[in-house]
N, C-alpha and C. Protein backbone atom coordinates (compact mmCIF):
# COMPACT_ATOMS: atom_id res chain seq x y z
N MET A 1 -40.68 -27.15 1.72
CA MET A 1 -39.24 -27.32 1.85
C MET A 1 -38.62 -27.33 0.45
N LEU A 2 -37.50 -26.63 0.33
CA LEU A 2 -36.82 -26.57 -0.96
C LEU A 2 -36.12 -27.89 -1.25
N SER A 3 -36.14 -28.27 -2.49
CA SER A 3 -35.45 -29.49 -2.87
C SER A 3 -33.94 -29.27 -2.80
N LYS A 4 -33.22 -30.36 -2.69
CA LYS A 4 -31.75 -30.29 -2.64
C LYS A 4 -31.20 -29.67 -3.91
N THR A 5 -31.82 -29.92 -5.03
CA THR A 5 -31.37 -29.36 -6.31
C THR A 5 -31.49 -27.85 -6.32
N VAL A 6 -32.60 -27.33 -5.81
CA VAL A 6 -32.81 -25.88 -5.77
C VAL A 6 -31.81 -25.23 -4.81
N VAL A 7 -31.61 -25.83 -3.65
CA VAL A 7 -30.64 -25.31 -2.68
C VAL A 7 -29.24 -25.31 -3.30
N PHE A 8 -28.89 -26.39 -3.96
CA PHE A 8 -27.58 -26.48 -4.61
C PHE A 8 -27.43 -25.39 -5.67
N ALA A 9 -28.45 -25.20 -6.49
CA ALA A 9 -28.40 -24.18 -7.55
C ALA A 9 -28.28 -22.78 -6.95
N LEU A 10 -29.01 -22.50 -5.89
CA LEU A 10 -28.92 -21.20 -5.23
C LEU A 10 -27.53 -20.98 -4.62
N THR A 11 -26.97 -22.02 -4.05
CA THR A 11 -25.63 -21.93 -3.47
C THR A 11 -24.60 -21.62 -4.55
N ILE A 12 -24.68 -22.31 -5.67
CA ILE A 12 -23.75 -22.07 -6.78
C ILE A 12 -23.91 -20.64 -7.30
N ALA A 13 -25.13 -20.17 -7.42
CA ALA A 13 -25.38 -18.80 -7.90
C ALA A 13 -24.80 -17.78 -6.93
N ALA A 14 -24.97 -18.00 -5.64
CA ALA A 14 -24.43 -17.07 -4.64
C ALA A 14 -22.91 -17.05 -4.69
N LEU A 15 -22.30 -18.20 -4.85
CA LEU A 15 -20.84 -18.26 -4.95
C LEU A 15 -20.34 -17.54 -6.19
N ALA A 16 -21.07 -17.64 -7.27
CA ALA A 16 -20.67 -16.97 -8.51
C ALA A 16 -20.72 -15.45 -8.35
N LEU A 17 -21.68 -14.97 -7.57
CA LEU A 17 -21.80 -13.52 -7.35
C LEU A 17 -20.73 -12.99 -6.41
N ALA A 18 -20.21 -13.85 -5.54
CA ALA A 18 -19.20 -13.43 -4.57
C ALA A 18 -17.82 -13.48 -5.23
N ALA A 19 -17.54 -12.50 -6.05
CA ALA A 19 -16.27 -12.45 -6.78
C ALA A 19 -15.13 -12.13 -5.82
N GLU A 20 -13.96 -12.58 -6.20
CA GLU A 20 -12.77 -12.28 -5.40
C GLU A 20 -12.41 -10.81 -5.52
N ASN A 21 -11.84 -10.27 -4.44
CA ASN A 21 -11.36 -8.89 -4.47
C ASN A 21 -10.22 -8.74 -5.45
N VAL A 22 -10.08 -7.56 -5.98
CA VAL A 22 -8.98 -7.22 -6.89
C VAL A 22 -7.73 -6.99 -6.04
N LYS A 23 -6.63 -7.60 -6.43
CA LYS A 23 -5.36 -7.45 -5.71
C LYS A 23 -4.57 -6.29 -6.32
N VAL A 24 -4.25 -5.31 -5.48
CA VAL A 24 -3.46 -4.16 -5.93
C VAL A 24 -2.20 -4.09 -5.09
N SER A 25 -1.06 -4.02 -5.74
CA SER A 25 0.22 -3.84 -5.06
C SER A 25 0.80 -2.51 -5.51
N LEU A 26 1.18 -1.70 -4.53
CA LEU A 26 1.73 -0.37 -4.80
C LEU A 26 3.13 -0.32 -4.19
N TYR A 27 4.13 -0.14 -5.04
CA TYR A 27 5.52 -0.08 -4.61
C TYR A 27 5.98 1.38 -4.69
N ILE A 28 6.37 1.93 -3.54
CA ILE A 28 6.71 3.35 -3.45
C ILE A 28 8.03 3.52 -2.72
N GLU A 29 8.49 4.76 -2.64
CA GLU A 29 9.62 5.13 -1.79
C GLU A 29 9.32 6.50 -1.21
N SER A 30 9.84 6.77 -0.03
CA SER A 30 9.38 7.91 0.76
C SER A 30 9.75 9.29 0.22
N TYR A 31 10.82 9.43 -0.51
CA TYR A 31 11.21 10.76 -1.01
C TYR A 31 11.05 10.91 -2.52
N CYS A 32 10.28 10.06 -3.12
CA CYS A 32 10.06 10.10 -4.57
C CYS A 32 8.92 11.07 -4.87
N PRO A 33 9.17 12.13 -5.65
CA PRO A 33 8.10 13.08 -5.97
C PRO A 33 6.89 12.44 -6.66
N ASP A 34 7.11 11.49 -7.56
CA ASP A 34 5.99 10.83 -8.23
C ASP A 34 5.18 9.97 -7.26
N CYS A 35 5.87 9.34 -6.29
CA CYS A 35 5.17 8.54 -5.27
C CYS A 35 4.35 9.45 -4.36
N GLU A 36 4.96 10.57 -3.96
CA GLU A 36 4.23 11.54 -3.13
C GLU A 36 2.97 11.99 -3.85
N ASP A 37 3.09 12.29 -5.13
CA ASP A 37 1.95 12.73 -5.93
C ASP A 37 0.88 11.64 -6.00
N PHE A 38 1.30 10.41 -6.23
CA PHE A 38 0.35 9.30 -6.33
C PHE A 38 -0.39 9.10 -5.01
N VAL A 39 0.36 9.09 -3.90
CA VAL A 39 -0.25 8.86 -2.59
C VAL A 39 -1.20 9.99 -2.22
N THR A 40 -0.76 11.23 -2.41
CA THR A 40 -1.55 12.38 -1.95
C THR A 40 -2.71 12.73 -2.87
N LYS A 41 -2.71 12.20 -4.08
CA LYS A 41 -3.83 12.46 -5.00
C LYS A 41 -4.62 11.18 -5.29
N ASP A 42 -4.01 10.24 -5.98
CA ASP A 42 -4.71 9.02 -6.40
C ASP A 42 -5.19 8.19 -5.21
N LEU A 43 -4.31 7.96 -4.24
CA LEU A 43 -4.68 7.14 -3.09
C LEU A 43 -5.73 7.84 -2.23
N VAL A 44 -5.60 9.15 -2.07
CA VAL A 44 -6.60 9.91 -1.31
C VAL A 44 -7.95 9.81 -2.01
N GLU A 45 -7.97 9.96 -3.32
CA GLU A 45 -9.22 9.85 -4.09
C GLU A 45 -9.81 8.45 -3.98
N PHE A 46 -8.97 7.44 -4.08
CA PHE A 46 -9.41 6.05 -3.97
C PHE A 46 -10.07 5.79 -2.62
N ARG A 47 -9.50 6.32 -1.55
CA ARG A 47 -10.05 6.09 -0.20
C ARG A 47 -11.44 6.67 -0.03
N LYS A 48 -11.79 7.65 -0.83
CA LYS A 48 -13.13 8.25 -0.75
C LYS A 48 -14.20 7.34 -1.36
N LEU A 49 -13.77 6.37 -2.13
CA LEU A 49 -14.70 5.48 -2.85
C LEU A 49 -14.84 4.17 -2.09
N SER A 50 -15.67 4.18 -1.07
CA SER A 50 -15.79 3.02 -0.19
C SER A 50 -16.24 1.76 -0.94
N ASP A 51 -17.03 1.93 -1.98
CA ASP A 51 -17.47 0.75 -2.74
C ASP A 51 -16.30 0.10 -3.49
N LEU A 52 -15.35 0.91 -3.96
CA LEU A 52 -14.15 0.35 -4.61
C LEU A 52 -13.21 -0.25 -3.58
N MET A 53 -13.09 0.42 -2.45
CA MET A 53 -12.23 -0.13 -1.39
C MET A 53 -12.73 -1.49 -0.94
N ALA A 54 -14.06 -1.67 -0.95
CA ALA A 54 -14.65 -2.93 -0.50
C ALA A 54 -14.31 -4.10 -1.42
N ILE A 55 -13.96 -3.84 -2.66
CA ILE A 55 -13.64 -4.93 -3.61
C ILE A 55 -12.14 -5.03 -3.89
N THR A 56 -11.35 -4.32 -3.09
CA THR A 56 -9.91 -4.24 -3.36
C THR A 56 -9.10 -4.66 -2.14
N ASP A 57 -8.10 -5.48 -2.35
CA ASP A 57 -7.09 -5.77 -1.33
C ASP A 57 -5.82 -5.08 -1.79
N ILE A 58 -5.37 -4.09 -1.02
CA ILE A 58 -4.21 -3.31 -1.45
C ILE A 58 -3.04 -3.54 -0.50
N ASP A 59 -1.88 -3.71 -1.09
CA ASP A 59 -0.64 -3.90 -0.35
C ASP A 59 0.31 -2.78 -0.77
N ILE A 60 0.71 -1.97 0.18
CA ILE A 60 1.61 -0.86 -0.10
C ILE A 60 2.98 -1.21 0.46
N VAL A 61 4.00 -1.13 -0.40
CA VAL A 61 5.35 -1.56 -0.03
C VAL A 61 6.33 -0.41 -0.20
N PRO A 62 6.71 0.26 0.90
CA PRO A 62 7.71 1.33 0.82
C PRO A 62 9.13 0.76 0.71
N TYR A 63 9.65 0.70 -0.48
CA TYR A 63 11.02 0.26 -0.75
C TYR A 63 11.52 0.88 -2.05
N GLY A 64 10.75 0.73 -3.11
CA GLY A 64 11.06 1.38 -4.38
C GLY A 64 12.33 0.93 -5.05
N ASN A 65 13.20 1.90 -5.35
CA ASN A 65 14.42 1.64 -6.10
C ASN A 65 15.64 1.46 -5.20
N ALA A 66 15.42 1.10 -3.97
CA ALA A 66 16.54 0.85 -3.05
C ALA A 66 17.26 -0.44 -3.45
N HIS A 67 18.45 -0.61 -2.91
CA HIS A 67 19.23 -1.83 -3.15
C HIS A 67 19.75 -2.34 -1.82
N VAL A 68 19.70 -3.66 -1.64
CA VAL A 68 20.25 -4.28 -0.44
C VAL A 68 21.76 -4.33 -0.60
N ILE A 69 22.47 -3.79 0.39
CA ILE A 69 23.94 -3.85 0.40
C ILE A 69 24.37 -5.10 1.16
N THR A 70 23.84 -5.26 2.39
CA THR A 70 24.09 -6.47 3.17
C THR A 70 22.77 -6.92 3.78
N ARG A 71 22.63 -8.23 3.97
CA ARG A 71 21.39 -8.77 4.55
C ARG A 71 21.52 -8.98 6.05
N ASP A 72 22.71 -9.15 6.58
CA ASP A 72 22.88 -9.41 8.01
C ASP A 72 24.15 -8.74 8.52
N PRO A 73 24.00 -7.57 9.13
CA PRO A 73 22.75 -6.83 9.37
C PRO A 73 22.30 -6.15 8.08
N PRO A 74 20.98 -5.90 7.97
CA PRO A 74 20.49 -5.30 6.74
C PRO A 74 20.94 -3.84 6.57
N THR A 75 21.57 -3.57 5.43
CA THR A 75 21.92 -2.19 5.06
C THR A 75 21.50 -1.98 3.62
N PHE A 76 21.24 -0.71 3.28
CA PHE A 76 20.64 -0.40 1.98
C PHE A 76 21.25 0.85 1.39
N LYS A 77 21.12 0.94 0.08
CA LYS A 77 21.40 2.18 -0.64
C LYS A 77 20.08 2.58 -1.30
N CYS A 78 19.56 3.74 -0.90
CA CYS A 78 18.27 4.20 -1.44
C CYS A 78 18.50 5.26 -2.50
N GLN A 79 17.59 5.32 -3.46
CA GLN A 79 17.72 6.22 -4.60
C GLN A 79 17.92 7.67 -4.18
N HIS A 80 17.19 8.12 -3.17
CA HIS A 80 17.29 9.52 -2.72
C HIS A 80 18.08 9.65 -1.42
N GLY A 81 18.98 8.71 -1.19
CA GLY A 81 19.88 8.80 -0.06
C GLY A 81 19.37 8.15 1.22
N GLU A 82 20.19 8.28 2.26
CA GLU A 82 19.90 7.66 3.55
C GLU A 82 18.58 8.14 4.14
N LYS A 83 18.25 9.41 3.90
CA LYS A 83 16.99 9.95 4.44
C LYS A 83 15.80 9.18 3.89
N GLU A 84 15.90 8.73 2.65
CA GLU A 84 14.80 7.95 2.07
C GLU A 84 14.71 6.57 2.71
N CYS A 85 15.84 5.94 2.97
CA CYS A 85 15.80 4.65 3.66
C CYS A 85 15.09 4.81 5.00
N TYR A 86 15.47 5.86 5.74
CA TYR A 86 14.84 6.10 7.03
C TYR A 86 13.34 6.39 6.87
N GLY A 87 12.97 7.19 5.89
CA GLY A 87 11.55 7.45 5.63
C GLY A 87 10.78 6.17 5.34
N ASN A 88 11.40 5.27 4.58
CA ASN A 88 10.78 3.97 4.31
C ASN A 88 10.61 3.18 5.61
N TYR A 89 11.63 3.22 6.48
CA TYR A 89 11.54 2.53 7.78
C TYR A 89 10.34 3.06 8.56
N VAL A 90 10.21 4.39 8.60
CA VAL A 90 9.12 5.02 9.35
C VAL A 90 7.77 4.52 8.82
N GLU A 91 7.60 4.54 7.51
CA GLU A 91 6.33 4.11 6.92
C GLU A 91 6.07 2.62 7.16
N LEU A 92 7.10 1.81 7.05
CA LEU A 92 6.95 0.37 7.30
C LEU A 92 6.63 0.10 8.76
N CYS A 93 7.22 0.86 9.67
CA CYS A 93 6.96 0.67 11.10
C CYS A 93 5.52 1.06 11.43
N ALA A 94 5.03 2.14 10.85
CA ALA A 94 3.63 2.53 11.08
C ALA A 94 2.70 1.45 10.53
N GLN A 95 3.03 0.92 9.36
CA GLN A 95 2.22 -0.14 8.75
C GLN A 95 2.19 -1.38 9.63
N LYS A 96 3.34 -1.76 10.17
CA LYS A 96 3.42 -2.97 10.99
C LYS A 96 2.68 -2.82 12.31
N HIS A 97 2.88 -1.70 12.99
CA HIS A 97 2.32 -1.53 14.33
C HIS A 97 0.89 -0.99 14.33
N TYR A 98 0.46 -0.40 13.24
CA TYR A 98 -0.90 0.15 13.14
C TYR A 98 -1.53 -0.25 11.80
N PRO A 99 -1.67 -1.55 11.54
CA PRO A 99 -2.12 -2.00 10.22
C PRO A 99 -3.52 -1.52 9.82
N ASP A 100 -4.36 -1.23 10.79
CA ASP A 100 -5.72 -0.82 10.46
C ASP A 100 -5.88 0.68 10.25
N SER A 101 -4.85 1.45 10.63
CA SER A 101 -5.01 2.91 10.55
C SER A 101 -3.80 3.62 9.94
N TRP A 102 -2.91 2.88 9.37
CA TRP A 102 -1.66 3.49 8.93
C TRP A 102 -1.79 4.31 7.65
N TRP A 103 -2.85 4.13 6.87
CA TRP A 103 -3.00 4.88 5.62
C TRP A 103 -3.00 6.38 5.86
N ASP A 104 -3.73 6.82 6.88
CA ASP A 104 -3.77 8.26 7.17
C ASP A 104 -2.38 8.78 7.53
N PHE A 105 -1.63 7.96 8.25
CA PHE A 105 -0.25 8.33 8.59
C PHE A 105 0.59 8.44 7.32
N LEU A 106 0.48 7.46 6.44
CA LEU A 106 1.21 7.47 5.17
C LEU A 106 0.89 8.72 4.37
N ILE A 107 -0.38 9.05 4.26
CA ILE A 107 -0.79 10.23 3.51
C ILE A 107 -0.23 11.50 4.15
N CYS A 108 -0.26 11.56 5.48
CA CYS A 108 0.30 12.72 6.19
C CYS A 108 1.80 12.84 5.91
N GLN A 109 2.52 11.73 6.01
CA GLN A 109 3.98 11.76 5.79
C GLN A 109 4.32 12.12 4.35
N GLU A 110 3.58 11.56 3.41
CA GLU A 110 3.86 11.85 2.00
C GLU A 110 3.45 13.27 1.62
N THR A 111 2.53 13.85 2.37
CA THR A 111 2.14 15.24 2.14
C THR A 111 3.19 16.19 2.69
N SER A 112 3.67 15.89 3.89
CA SER A 112 4.64 16.78 4.55
C SER A 112 6.08 16.51 4.11
N VAL A 113 6.38 15.27 3.76
CA VAL A 113 7.74 14.80 3.44
C VAL A 113 8.72 15.27 4.53
N ASP A 114 8.28 15.15 5.78
CA ASP A 114 9.11 15.52 6.93
C ASP A 114 9.24 14.29 7.82
N PHE A 115 10.36 13.60 7.69
CA PHE A 115 10.59 12.39 8.47
C PHE A 115 11.49 12.65 9.67
N SER A 116 11.62 13.93 10.05
CA SER A 116 12.32 14.26 11.29
C SER A 116 11.48 13.74 12.45
N ASP A 117 12.07 13.72 13.65
CA ASP A 117 11.30 13.28 14.82
C ASP A 117 10.03 14.11 14.96
N ASN A 118 10.14 15.43 14.76
CA ASN A 118 8.97 16.30 14.88
C ASN A 118 7.94 16.01 13.79
N GLY A 119 8.40 15.76 12.57
CA GLY A 119 7.48 15.43 11.48
C GLY A 119 6.73 14.14 11.74
N VAL A 120 7.45 13.12 12.22
CA VAL A 120 6.82 11.84 12.55
C VAL A 120 5.84 12.03 13.70
N MET A 121 6.26 12.81 14.70
CA MET A 121 5.39 13.07 15.85
C MET A 121 4.10 13.76 15.41
N THR A 122 4.22 14.75 14.54
CA THR A 122 3.04 15.48 14.06
C THR A 122 2.06 14.54 13.37
N CYS A 123 2.56 13.72 12.44
CA CYS A 123 1.67 12.80 11.72
C CYS A 123 1.12 11.72 12.65
N ALA A 124 1.94 11.25 13.58
CA ALA A 124 1.46 10.23 14.53
C ALA A 124 0.35 10.79 15.40
N MET A 125 0.52 12.00 15.87
CA MET A 125 -0.50 12.61 16.72
C MET A 125 -1.79 12.86 15.93
N LYS A 126 -1.66 13.29 14.68
CA LYS A 126 -2.85 13.53 13.84
C LYS A 126 -3.63 12.25 13.59
N THR A 127 -2.96 11.12 13.64
CA THR A 127 -3.59 9.84 13.30
C THR A 127 -3.72 8.92 14.52
N SER A 128 -3.58 9.49 15.71
CA SER A 128 -3.76 8.76 16.98
C SER A 128 -2.84 7.56 17.11
N MET A 129 -1.58 7.75 16.73
CA MET A 129 -0.58 6.70 16.88
C MET A 129 0.45 7.16 17.90
N ASP A 130 1.11 6.20 18.52
CA ASP A 130 2.17 6.50 19.48
C ASP A 130 3.47 6.67 18.69
N TYR A 131 3.94 7.91 18.59
CA TYR A 131 5.13 8.15 17.78
C TYR A 131 6.36 7.48 18.37
N ASP A 132 6.39 7.24 19.69
CA ASP A 132 7.54 6.54 20.28
C ASP A 132 7.64 5.11 19.74
N VAL A 133 6.50 4.49 19.49
CA VAL A 133 6.49 3.14 18.92
C VAL A 133 7.07 3.18 17.50
N ILE A 134 6.62 4.15 16.72
CA ILE A 134 7.09 4.26 15.33
C ILE A 134 8.57 4.61 15.29
N LEU A 135 8.97 5.62 16.07
CA LEU A 135 10.38 6.03 16.07
C LEU A 135 11.28 4.94 16.63
N GLY A 136 10.82 4.25 17.69
CA GLY A 136 11.62 3.16 18.26
C GLY A 136 11.86 2.06 17.25
N CYS A 137 10.84 1.76 16.48
CA CYS A 137 10.95 0.75 15.42
C CYS A 137 11.89 1.23 14.32
N ALA A 138 11.69 2.45 13.85
CA ALA A 138 12.47 2.98 12.72
C ALA A 138 13.95 3.15 13.07
N LYS A 139 14.22 3.57 14.29
CA LYS A 139 15.61 3.82 14.71
C LYS A 139 16.29 2.58 15.26
N GLY A 140 15.53 1.54 15.53
CA GLY A 140 16.09 0.30 16.07
C GLY A 140 16.39 -0.70 14.97
N THR A 141 16.44 -1.95 15.35
CA THR A 141 16.75 -3.01 14.38
C THR A 141 15.52 -3.43 13.57
N GLU A 142 14.33 -3.13 14.09
CA GLU A 142 13.11 -3.58 13.41
C GLU A 142 12.90 -2.89 12.06
N GLY A 143 13.16 -1.58 11.99
CA GLY A 143 12.98 -0.84 10.75
C GLY A 143 13.76 -1.43 9.58
N PRO A 144 15.07 -1.63 9.74
CA PRO A 144 15.83 -2.25 8.64
C PRO A 144 15.36 -3.67 8.30
N LEU A 145 14.92 -4.43 9.30
CA LEU A 145 14.42 -5.78 9.01
C LEU A 145 13.12 -5.72 8.19
N LEU A 146 12.25 -4.77 8.52
CA LEU A 146 11.03 -4.58 7.73
C LEU A 146 11.37 -4.14 6.31
N HIS A 147 12.41 -3.31 6.19
CA HIS A 147 12.85 -2.85 4.87
C HIS A 147 13.38 -4.02 4.04
N LEU A 148 14.06 -4.94 4.70
CA LEU A 148 14.56 -6.14 4.02
C LEU A 148 13.39 -7.00 3.52
N GLU A 149 12.34 -7.13 4.34
CA GLU A 149 11.14 -7.85 3.90
C GLU A 149 10.50 -7.15 2.70
N ALA A 150 10.48 -5.81 2.74
CA ALA A 150 9.93 -5.04 1.62
C ALA A 150 10.77 -5.24 0.36
N ALA A 151 12.09 -5.34 0.53
CA ALA A 151 12.97 -5.60 -0.61
C ALA A 151 12.61 -6.93 -1.26
N ASP A 152 12.35 -7.93 -0.43
CA ASP A 152 12.02 -9.26 -0.95
C ASP A 152 10.66 -9.29 -1.65
N LYS A 153 9.75 -8.39 -1.25
CA LYS A 153 8.41 -8.32 -1.86
C LYS A 153 8.39 -7.51 -3.15
N THR A 154 9.36 -6.63 -3.31
CA THR A 154 9.38 -5.72 -4.47
C THR A 154 9.87 -6.46 -5.71
N PRO A 155 9.10 -6.41 -6.80
CA PRO A 155 9.54 -7.09 -8.03
C PRO A 155 10.90 -6.56 -8.50
N LYS A 156 11.79 -7.47 -8.78
CA LYS A 156 13.14 -7.07 -9.21
C LYS A 156 13.12 -6.41 -10.58
N ASP A 157 12.09 -6.69 -11.37
CA ASP A 157 12.04 -6.15 -12.73
C ASP A 157 11.22 -4.86 -12.83
N HIS A 158 10.87 -4.25 -11.68
CA HIS A 158 10.11 -3.00 -11.79
C HIS A 158 10.99 -1.93 -12.44
N LYS A 159 10.37 -1.03 -13.17
CA LYS A 159 11.13 -0.06 -13.96
C LYS A 159 11.05 1.36 -13.42
N TRP A 160 10.08 1.66 -12.59
CA TRP A 160 9.90 3.00 -12.03
C TRP A 160 9.07 2.88 -10.76
N VAL A 161 8.95 3.98 -10.05
CA VAL A 161 8.02 4.07 -8.93
C VAL A 161 7.22 5.37 -9.09
N PRO A 162 5.97 5.37 -8.69
CA PRO A 162 5.27 4.24 -8.09
C PRO A 162 5.02 3.13 -9.12
N TRP A 163 5.28 1.91 -8.71
CA TRP A 163 5.04 0.73 -9.53
C TRP A 163 3.73 0.13 -9.03
N VAL A 164 2.72 0.11 -9.88
CA VAL A 164 1.39 -0.34 -9.48
C VAL A 164 1.04 -1.59 -10.28
N VAL A 165 0.63 -2.63 -9.56
CA VAL A 165 0.23 -3.88 -10.19
C VAL A 165 -1.20 -4.19 -9.75
N VAL A 166 -2.09 -4.36 -10.72
CA VAL A 166 -3.50 -4.65 -10.45
C VAL A 166 -3.81 -6.04 -11.00
N ASP A 167 -4.07 -6.98 -10.10
CA ASP A 167 -4.34 -8.37 -10.49
C ASP A 167 -3.30 -8.89 -11.48
N GLY A 168 -2.05 -8.62 -11.20
CA GLY A 168 -0.96 -9.13 -12.02
C GLY A 168 -0.59 -8.28 -13.22
N LYS A 169 -1.36 -7.22 -13.49
CA LYS A 169 -1.07 -6.36 -14.64
C LYS A 169 -0.42 -5.06 -14.17
N VAL A 170 0.69 -4.72 -14.78
CA VAL A 170 1.43 -3.50 -14.43
C VAL A 170 0.72 -2.29 -15.03
N ARG A 171 0.56 -1.27 -14.20
CA ARG A 171 -0.05 -0.02 -14.67
C ARG A 171 0.99 0.75 -15.47
N ASP A 172 0.58 1.22 -16.63
CA ASP A 172 1.43 2.09 -17.42
C ASP A 172 0.87 3.50 -17.30
N LYS A 173 -0.02 3.87 -18.13
CA LYS A 173 -0.62 5.22 -18.09
C LYS A 173 -2.09 5.20 -17.66
N GLN A 174 -2.71 4.03 -17.73
CA GLN A 174 -4.14 3.96 -17.47
C GLN A 174 -4.45 4.26 -16.00
N PRO A 175 -5.62 4.84 -15.73
CA PRO A 175 -6.01 5.13 -14.35
C PRO A 175 -6.18 3.84 -13.55
N VAL A 176 -5.69 3.84 -12.33
CA VAL A 176 -5.78 2.66 -11.47
C VAL A 176 -7.24 2.29 -11.21
N LEU A 177 -8.09 3.28 -11.01
CA LEU A 177 -9.50 2.99 -10.74
C LEU A 177 -10.14 2.25 -11.90
N THR A 178 -9.79 2.61 -13.11
CA THR A 178 -10.30 1.91 -14.30
C THR A 178 -9.79 0.47 -14.31
N MET A 179 -8.52 0.29 -13.97
CA MET A 179 -7.95 -1.06 -13.94
C MET A 179 -8.67 -1.93 -12.91
N ILE A 180 -8.96 -1.35 -11.74
CA ILE A 180 -9.66 -2.10 -10.70
C ILE A 180 -11.05 -2.50 -11.19
N CYS A 181 -11.77 -1.55 -11.76
CA CYS A 181 -13.11 -1.84 -12.28
C CYS A 181 -13.07 -2.90 -13.37
N ASP A 182 -12.11 -2.81 -14.27
CA ASP A 182 -11.98 -3.79 -15.35
C ASP A 182 -11.64 -5.18 -14.81
N ALA A 183 -10.84 -5.23 -13.74
CA ALA A 183 -10.39 -6.51 -13.20
C ALA A 183 -11.45 -7.21 -12.35
N TYR A 184 -12.36 -6.44 -11.78
CA TYR A 184 -13.35 -7.04 -10.87
C TYR A 184 -14.35 -7.89 -11.65
N LYS A 185 -14.55 -9.12 -11.21
CA LYS A 185 -15.39 -10.09 -11.93
C LYS A 185 -16.84 -10.10 -11.44
N GLY A 186 -17.12 -9.42 -10.34
CA GLY A 186 -18.47 -9.43 -9.80
C GLY A 186 -19.30 -8.26 -10.31
N GLU A 187 -20.41 -8.03 -9.63
CA GLU A 187 -21.29 -6.89 -9.93
C GLU A 187 -20.48 -5.62 -9.74
N LYS A 188 -20.40 -4.79 -10.76
CA LYS A 188 -19.59 -3.56 -10.70
C LYS A 188 -20.20 -2.58 -9.69
N PRO A 189 -19.36 -2.03 -8.79
CA PRO A 189 -19.87 -1.04 -7.85
C PRO A 189 -20.20 0.28 -8.58
N ALA A 190 -20.95 1.13 -7.91
CA ALA A 190 -21.40 2.40 -8.50
C ALA A 190 -20.23 3.24 -9.00
N SER A 191 -19.11 3.23 -8.29
CA SER A 191 -17.95 4.04 -8.70
C SER A 191 -17.40 3.60 -10.05
N CYS A 192 -17.65 2.37 -10.44
CA CYS A 192 -17.19 1.88 -11.75
C CYS A 192 -18.12 2.33 -12.87
N LYS A 193 -19.30 2.77 -12.52
CA LYS A 193 -20.29 3.12 -13.53
C LYS A 193 -20.33 4.61 -13.84
N LYS A 194 -19.46 5.36 -13.20
CA LYS A 194 -19.43 6.82 -13.41
C LYS A 194 -18.69 7.18 -14.67
């Protein structure tokens, strides 16, 4: 039988190896060319690296450079016009109603940049989502309320989009994957060693 001291030491060692996941926050907007580029390239590449995904908690917030005009009822002025506000609603509604599978929908929408009913339907069907749920949310009162929540989550001092924060550090020019690897305190996954 192992002594209590040995068990205690092994427990402490195991806890030390179980490092916390890296927190990544990505602030985007639906009609931003730089956001589209980031989602369709960087995010797609990141998703292929399952070992990095396993050590990362990512929060994607579609709001960007919008401004709240009124809170009750929520109305907004978006950088690229009303169509962008609606595109943000669509992405937020997919995220809310399909939290485990919405990334593929986001990538589809940011690739097509078609937030018409047909565009939403196409991406919803490709990702096995009910487009009526997404459109009902986006066109109803829920979409603007989700956008208001996104406004409250978006740092007021952000300077551009996509605004990427990795464990509290704002990304400037450095690759996000490098930032994740640098921030992770545990055993580095294989993708960090390439």
